[in-house]
Amino acid sequence: MSGLSRRSFAESLALAALAPMIRVQPDTIRLAQWGRAAPAGNEPAALAKALAEVIRQQYGSRLSAGDLSTITNQIQTGLDKIDQLRKVELANGDEPDFVFSAVRSPGTR
């Protein structure tokens, strides 16, 4: 996640959304690299396997072995992205991209 800013992330999302309107193939647009999926050859961690086992216990009759493998890999990818997010340093003064306020300012509708 080195070097990723909110601006570059938002720009890549906007470009991807606008691709059909400007008649450009989405795969030709260079998007910001904000995380890589775990390579297919890596063995999922114990936590990913345990969470997949919970899913197998509940939905196993409707899932094939390939489905469970895909789910396990997706869980591992999510856990890897969570680890990447936790590594981002935030200062006390960092604010979110926007601030929600339930109270309307005077003069606004």
N, C-alpha and C. Protein backbone atom coordinates (compact mmCIF):
# COMPACT_ATOMS: atom_id res chain seq x y z
N MET A 1 0.81 -1.19 0.00
CA MET A 1 0.00 0.00 0.00
C MET A 1 0.85 1.25 0.00
N SER A 2 2.09 1.15 -0.29
CA SER A 2 2.96 2.30 -0.24
C SER A 2 2.58 3.30 -1.31
N GLY A 3 2.48 4.57 -0.92
CA GLY A 3 2.25 5.64 -1.86
C GLY A 3 0.80 5.81 -2.30
N LEU A 4 -0.13 5.12 -1.74
CA LEU A 4 -1.52 5.27 -2.14
C LEU A 4 -2.16 6.40 -1.36
N SER A 5 -2.75 7.33 -2.07
CA SER A 5 -3.46 8.42 -1.41
C SER A 5 -4.95 8.30 -1.70
N ARG A 6 -5.72 9.03 -0.96
CA ARG A 6 -7.16 9.04 -1.21
C ARG A 6 -7.45 9.52 -2.62
N ARG A 7 -6.69 10.52 -3.03
CA ARG A 7 -6.91 11.10 -4.35
C ARG A 7 -6.67 10.08 -5.46
N SER A 8 -5.55 9.35 -5.40
CA SER A 8 -5.27 8.38 -6.47
C SER A 8 -6.28 7.24 -6.44
N PHE A 9 -6.73 6.84 -5.26
CA PHE A 9 -7.75 5.80 -5.16
C PHE A 9 -9.06 6.29 -5.78
N ALA A 10 -9.47 7.51 -5.44
CA ALA A 10 -10.72 8.06 -5.98
C ALA A 10 -10.63 8.24 -7.50
N GLU A 11 -9.47 8.68 -7.98
CA GLU A 11 -9.30 8.84 -9.42
C GLU A 11 -9.43 7.51 -10.15
N SER A 12 -8.84 6.47 -9.59
CA SER A 12 -8.92 5.17 -10.25
C SER A 12 -10.35 4.65 -10.26
N LEU A 13 -11.11 4.89 -9.19
CA LEU A 13 -12.51 4.47 -9.17
C LEU A 13 -13.33 5.25 -10.20
N ALA A 14 -13.08 6.55 -10.29
CA ALA A 14 -13.82 7.37 -11.25
C ALA A 14 -13.50 6.95 -12.68
N LEU A 15 -12.24 6.68 -12.97
CA LEU A 15 -11.87 6.25 -14.31
C LEU A 15 -12.52 4.92 -14.67
N ALA A 16 -12.54 4.01 -13.73
CA ALA A 16 -13.15 2.71 -13.99
C ALA A 16 -14.65 2.85 -14.23
N ALA A 17 -15.30 3.76 -13.50
CA ALA A 17 -16.74 3.96 -13.67
C ALA A 17 -17.06 4.67 -14.99
N LEU A 18 -16.18 5.55 -15.42
CA LEU A 18 -16.42 6.31 -16.64
C LEU A 18 -16.01 5.57 -17.91
N ALA A 19 -15.30 4.49 -17.80
CA ALA A 19 -14.77 3.78 -18.98
C ALA A 19 -15.85 3.48 -20.02
N PRO A 20 -17.01 2.94 -19.65
CA PRO A 20 -18.01 2.65 -20.68
C PRO A 20 -18.55 3.91 -21.36
N MET A 21 -18.63 5.01 -20.62
CA MET A 21 -19.18 6.24 -21.18
C MET A 21 -18.23 6.91 -22.17
N ILE A 22 -16.93 6.75 -21.95
CA ILE A 22 -15.98 7.37 -22.87
C ILE A 22 -15.47 6.36 -23.90
N ARG A 23 -16.13 5.22 -23.95
CA ARG A 23 -15.86 4.17 -24.93
C ARG A 23 -14.40 3.69 -24.91
N VAL A 24 -13.94 3.40 -23.71
CA VAL A 24 -12.59 2.88 -23.52
C VAL A 24 -12.73 1.53 -22.83
N GLN A 25 -11.91 0.59 -23.23
CA GLN A 25 -11.93 -0.72 -22.58
C GLN A 25 -11.40 -0.56 -21.15
N PRO A 26 -12.12 -1.07 -20.15
CA PRO A 26 -11.67 -0.91 -18.76
C PRO A 26 -10.28 -1.48 -18.49
N ASP A 27 -9.89 -2.53 -19.22
CA ASP A 27 -8.58 -3.12 -18.95
C ASP A 27 -7.43 -2.27 -19.49
N THR A 28 -7.71 -1.23 -20.27
CA THR A 28 -6.65 -0.35 -20.77
C THR A 28 -6.38 0.81 -19.82
N ILE A 29 -7.23 0.99 -18.82
CA ILE A 29 -7.07 2.09 -17.86
C ILE A 29 -6.12 1.63 -16.76
N ARG A 30 -5.14 2.47 -16.46
CA ARG A 30 -4.18 2.15 -15.39
C ARG A 30 -4.79 2.57 -14.06
N LEU A 31 -5.10 1.59 -13.24
CA LEU A 31 -5.70 1.84 -11.94
C LEU A 31 -4.63 1.84 -10.85
N ALA A 32 -4.93 2.51 -9.75
CA ALA A 32 -4.01 2.53 -8.62
C ALA A 32 -3.90 1.13 -8.03
N GLN A 33 -2.70 0.72 -7.71
CA GLN A 33 -2.48 -0.58 -7.08
C GLN A 33 -2.64 -0.42 -5.58
N TRP A 34 -3.75 -0.86 -5.04
CA TRP A 34 -4.00 -0.67 -3.62
C TRP A 34 -4.04 -1.97 -2.86
N GLY A 35 -3.55 -2.99 -3.41
CA GLY A 35 -3.46 -4.26 -2.71
C GLY A 35 -3.39 -5.39 -3.70
N ARG A 36 -2.66 -6.37 -3.37
CA ARG A 36 -2.53 -7.52 -4.25
C ARG A 36 -3.17 -8.72 -3.57
N ALA A 37 -3.85 -9.52 -4.37
CA ALA A 37 -4.44 -10.74 -3.84
C ALA A 37 -3.33 -11.74 -3.54
N ALA A 38 -3.62 -12.60 -2.61
CA ALA A 38 -2.63 -13.63 -2.27
C ALA A 38 -2.44 -14.55 -3.46
N PRO A 39 -1.20 -14.90 -3.78
CA PRO A 39 -0.98 -15.81 -4.89
C PRO A 39 -1.69 -17.14 -4.68
N ALA A 40 -2.13 -17.75 -5.77
CA ALA A 40 -2.94 -18.96 -5.68
C ALA A 40 -2.18 -20.12 -5.03
N GLY A 41 -0.84 -20.11 -5.11
CA GLY A 41 -0.06 -21.21 -4.58
C GLY A 41 0.11 -21.17 -3.07
N ASN A 42 -0.17 -20.05 -2.43
CA ASN A 42 0.03 -19.93 -0.99
C ASN A 42 -1.07 -20.67 -0.23
N GLU A 43 -0.68 -21.30 0.84
CA GLU A 43 -1.62 -22.00 1.71
C GLU A 43 -2.32 -20.98 2.61
N PRO A 44 -3.65 -21.01 2.69
CA PRO A 44 -4.36 -20.07 3.57
C PRO A 44 -3.97 -20.28 5.03
N ALA A 45 -4.04 -19.21 5.79
CA ALA A 45 -3.69 -19.25 7.21
C ALA A 45 -4.75 -20.02 8.00
N ALA A 46 -4.42 -20.32 9.24
CA ALA A 46 -5.32 -21.09 10.09
C ALA A 46 -6.65 -20.37 10.31
N LEU A 47 -6.60 -19.04 10.45
CA LEU A 47 -7.83 -18.28 10.67
C LEU A 47 -8.75 -18.38 9.45
N ALA A 48 -8.19 -18.27 8.26
CA ALA A 48 -8.99 -18.39 7.04
C ALA A 48 -9.61 -19.79 6.94
N LYS A 49 -8.84 -20.79 7.29
CA LYS A 49 -9.36 -22.17 7.25
C LYS A 49 -10.48 -22.36 8.28
N ALA A 50 -10.31 -21.77 9.46
CA ALA A 50 -11.34 -21.91 10.50
C ALA A 50 -12.63 -21.20 10.08
N LEU A 51 -12.51 -20.01 9.49
CA LEU A 51 -13.70 -19.30 9.04
C LEU A 51 -14.38 -20.04 7.89
N ALA A 52 -13.60 -20.62 7.01
CA ALA A 52 -14.17 -21.41 5.92
C ALA A 52 -14.86 -22.66 6.46
N GLU A 53 -14.31 -23.21 7.51
CA GLU A 53 -14.94 -24.39 8.13
C GLU A 53 -16.30 -24.04 8.71
N VAL A 54 -16.44 -22.85 9.27
CA VAL A 54 -17.74 -22.40 9.78
C VAL A 54 -18.74 -22.32 8.62
N ILE A 55 -18.30 -21.79 7.50
CA ILE A 55 -19.17 -21.70 6.33
C ILE A 55 -19.52 -23.10 5.83
N ARG A 56 -18.54 -24.00 5.83
CA ARG A 56 -18.81 -25.38 5.40
C ARG A 56 -19.84 -26.05 6.30
N GLN A 57 -19.74 -25.82 7.62
CA GLN A 57 -20.69 -26.41 8.56
C GLN A 57 -22.12 -25.93 8.29
N GLN A 58 -22.24 -24.65 7.94
CA GLN A 58 -23.57 -24.09 7.76
C GLN A 58 -24.12 -24.34 6.36
N TYR A 59 -23.28 -24.23 5.33
CA TYR A 59 -23.75 -24.30 3.95
C TYR A 59 -23.13 -25.44 3.15
N GLY A 60 -22.49 -26.38 3.81
CA GLY A 60 -21.75 -27.44 3.13
C GLY A 60 -22.56 -28.26 2.14
N SER A 61 -23.84 -28.43 2.40
CA SER A 61 -24.65 -29.24 1.49
C SER A 61 -24.86 -28.56 0.15
N ARG A 62 -24.67 -27.25 0.11
CA ARG A 62 -24.90 -26.49 -1.14
C ARG A 62 -23.60 -26.09 -1.83
N LEU A 63 -22.45 -26.43 -1.25
CA LEU A 63 -21.16 -26.00 -1.79
C LEU A 63 -20.33 -27.21 -2.21
N SER A 64 -19.62 -27.03 -3.34
CA SER A 64 -18.70 -28.07 -3.78
C SER A 64 -17.32 -27.81 -3.16
N ALA A 65 -16.42 -28.75 -3.37
CA ALA A 65 -15.05 -28.59 -2.84
C ALA A 65 -14.37 -27.38 -3.48
N GLY A 66 -14.64 -27.16 -4.76
CA GLY A 66 -14.07 -25.99 -5.44
C GLY A 66 -14.61 -24.69 -4.88
N ASP A 67 -15.91 -24.68 -4.56
CA ASP A 67 -16.51 -23.49 -3.95
C ASP A 67 -15.85 -23.18 -2.61
N LEU A 68 -15.65 -24.21 -1.80
CA LEU A 68 -15.03 -24.01 -0.50
C LEU A 68 -13.59 -23.52 -0.63
N SER A 69 -12.88 -24.02 -1.63
CA SER A 69 -11.52 -23.57 -1.87
C SER A 69 -11.50 -22.09 -2.26
N THR A 70 -12.43 -21.69 -3.12
CA THR A 70 -12.53 -20.29 -3.53
C THR A 70 -12.87 -19.40 -2.36
N ILE A 71 -13.81 -19.85 -1.54
CA ILE A 71 -14.21 -19.08 -0.36
C ILE A 71 -13.03 -18.93 0.59
N THR A 72 -12.28 -19.99 0.82
CA THR A 72 -11.12 -19.93 1.70
C THR A 72 -10.09 -18.94 1.18
N ASN A 73 -9.83 -18.98 -0.13
CA ASN A 73 -8.86 -18.03 -0.71
C ASN A 73 -9.36 -16.60 -0.61
N GLN A 74 -10.66 -16.37 -0.79
CA GLN A 74 -11.21 -15.02 -0.68
C GLN A 74 -11.12 -14.53 0.76
N ILE A 75 -11.34 -15.39 1.71
CA ILE A 75 -11.21 -15.01 3.11
C ILE A 75 -9.76 -14.63 3.40
N GLN A 76 -8.81 -15.42 2.90
CA GLN A 76 -7.40 -15.12 3.12
C GLN A 76 -7.02 -13.79 2.48
N THR A 77 -7.53 -13.51 1.28
CA THR A 77 -7.26 -12.24 0.62
C THR A 77 -7.79 -11.08 1.46
N GLY A 78 -8.99 -11.23 2.00
CA GLY A 78 -9.56 -10.20 2.87
C GLY A 78 -8.73 -9.99 4.12
N LEU A 79 -8.26 -11.07 4.72
CA LEU A 79 -7.41 -10.95 5.91
C LEU A 79 -6.08 -10.26 5.58
N ASP A 80 -5.53 -10.56 4.40
CA ASP A 80 -4.29 -9.89 3.99
C ASP A 80 -4.50 -8.39 3.80
N LYS A 81 -5.65 -8.01 3.23
CA LYS A 81 -5.94 -6.59 3.04
C LYS A 81 -6.16 -5.88 4.37
N ILE A 82 -6.76 -6.58 5.32
CA ILE A 82 -6.93 -6.00 6.65
C ILE A 82 -5.57 -5.73 7.28
N ASP A 83 -4.64 -6.66 7.13
CA ASP A 83 -3.30 -6.46 7.66
C ASP A 83 -2.63 -5.26 7.01
N GLN A 84 -2.84 -5.07 5.70
CA GLN A 84 -2.27 -3.91 5.01
C GLN A 84 -2.86 -2.61 5.55
N LEU A 85 -4.18 -2.60 5.80
CA LEU A 85 -4.81 -1.40 6.33
C LEU A 85 -4.31 -1.06 7.73
N ARG A 86 -4.05 -2.06 8.53
CA ARG A 86 -3.57 -1.82 9.89
C ARG A 86 -2.17 -1.23 9.91
N LYS A 87 -1.41 -1.42 8.83
CA LYS A 87 -0.04 -0.89 8.76
C LYS A 87 0.00 0.60 8.41
N VAL A 88 -1.12 1.16 7.95
CA VAL A 88 -1.16 2.57 7.58
C VAL A 88 -1.14 3.42 8.84
N GLU A 89 -0.16 4.31 8.90
CA GLU A 89 -0.03 5.19 10.05
C GLU A 89 -1.00 6.36 9.93
N LEU A 90 -1.76 6.62 10.97
CA LEU A 90 -2.66 7.77 11.02
C LEU A 90 -2.26 8.66 12.18
N ALA A 91 -2.18 9.94 11.91
CA ALA A 91 -1.90 10.90 12.97
C ALA A 91 -3.21 11.26 13.67
N ASN A 92 -3.10 11.86 14.83
CA ASN A 92 -4.28 12.23 15.59
C ASN A 92 -5.13 13.24 14.84
N GLY A 93 -4.52 14.07 14.01
CA GLY A 93 -5.26 15.11 13.30
C GLY A 93 -5.84 14.66 11.96
N ASP A 94 -5.61 13.43 11.54
CA ASP A 94 -6.15 12.96 10.27
C ASP A 94 -7.66 12.85 10.36
N GLU A 95 -8.32 13.41 9.35
CA GLU A 95 -9.78 13.37 9.32
C GLU A 95 -10.25 12.47 8.19
N PRO A 96 -11.49 12.01 8.27
CA PRO A 96 -12.02 11.23 7.15
C PRO A 96 -12.20 12.11 5.93
N ASP A 97 -12.48 11.48 4.80
CA ASP A 97 -12.64 12.21 3.54
C ASP A 97 -13.81 13.19 3.62
N PHE A 98 -14.86 12.85 4.33
CA PHE A 98 -15.98 13.74 4.52
C PHE A 98 -16.50 13.53 5.94
N VAL A 99 -17.20 14.52 6.44
CA VAL A 99 -17.74 14.45 7.79
C VAL A 99 -19.25 14.50 7.71
N PHE A 100 -19.92 13.51 8.25
CA PHE A 100 -21.37 13.46 8.26
C PHE A 100 -21.89 14.22 9.46
N SER A 101 -22.90 15.03 9.23
CA SER A 101 -23.56 15.75 10.32
C SER A 101 -25.05 15.59 10.16
N ALA A 102 -25.72 15.10 11.19
CA ALA A 102 -27.16 14.89 11.12
C ALA A 102 -27.93 16.19 11.30
N VAL A 103 -27.28 17.22 11.80
CA VAL A 103 -27.93 18.51 12.01
C VAL A 103 -27.67 19.37 10.79
N ARG A 104 -28.74 19.93 10.23
CA ARG A 104 -28.61 20.78 9.05
C ARG A 104 -28.16 22.17 9.46
N SER A 105 -27.37 22.76 8.61
CA SER A 105 -26.95 24.14 8.82
C SER A 105 -28.12 25.04 8.49
N PRO A 106 -28.21 26.19 9.16
CA PRO A 106 -29.31 27.13 8.85
C PRO A 106 -29.22 27.58 7.38
N GLY A 107 -30.35 27.64 6.71
CA GLY A 107 -30.38 28.12 5.34
C GLY A 107 -30.20 27.03 4.30
N THR A 108 -30.03 25.77 4.69
CA THR A 108 -29.89 24.69 3.71
C THR A 108 -31.18 23.89 3.71
N ARG A 109 -31.46 23.26 2.60
CA ARG A 109 -32.68 22.45 2.50
C ARG A 109 -32.35 21.02 2.62
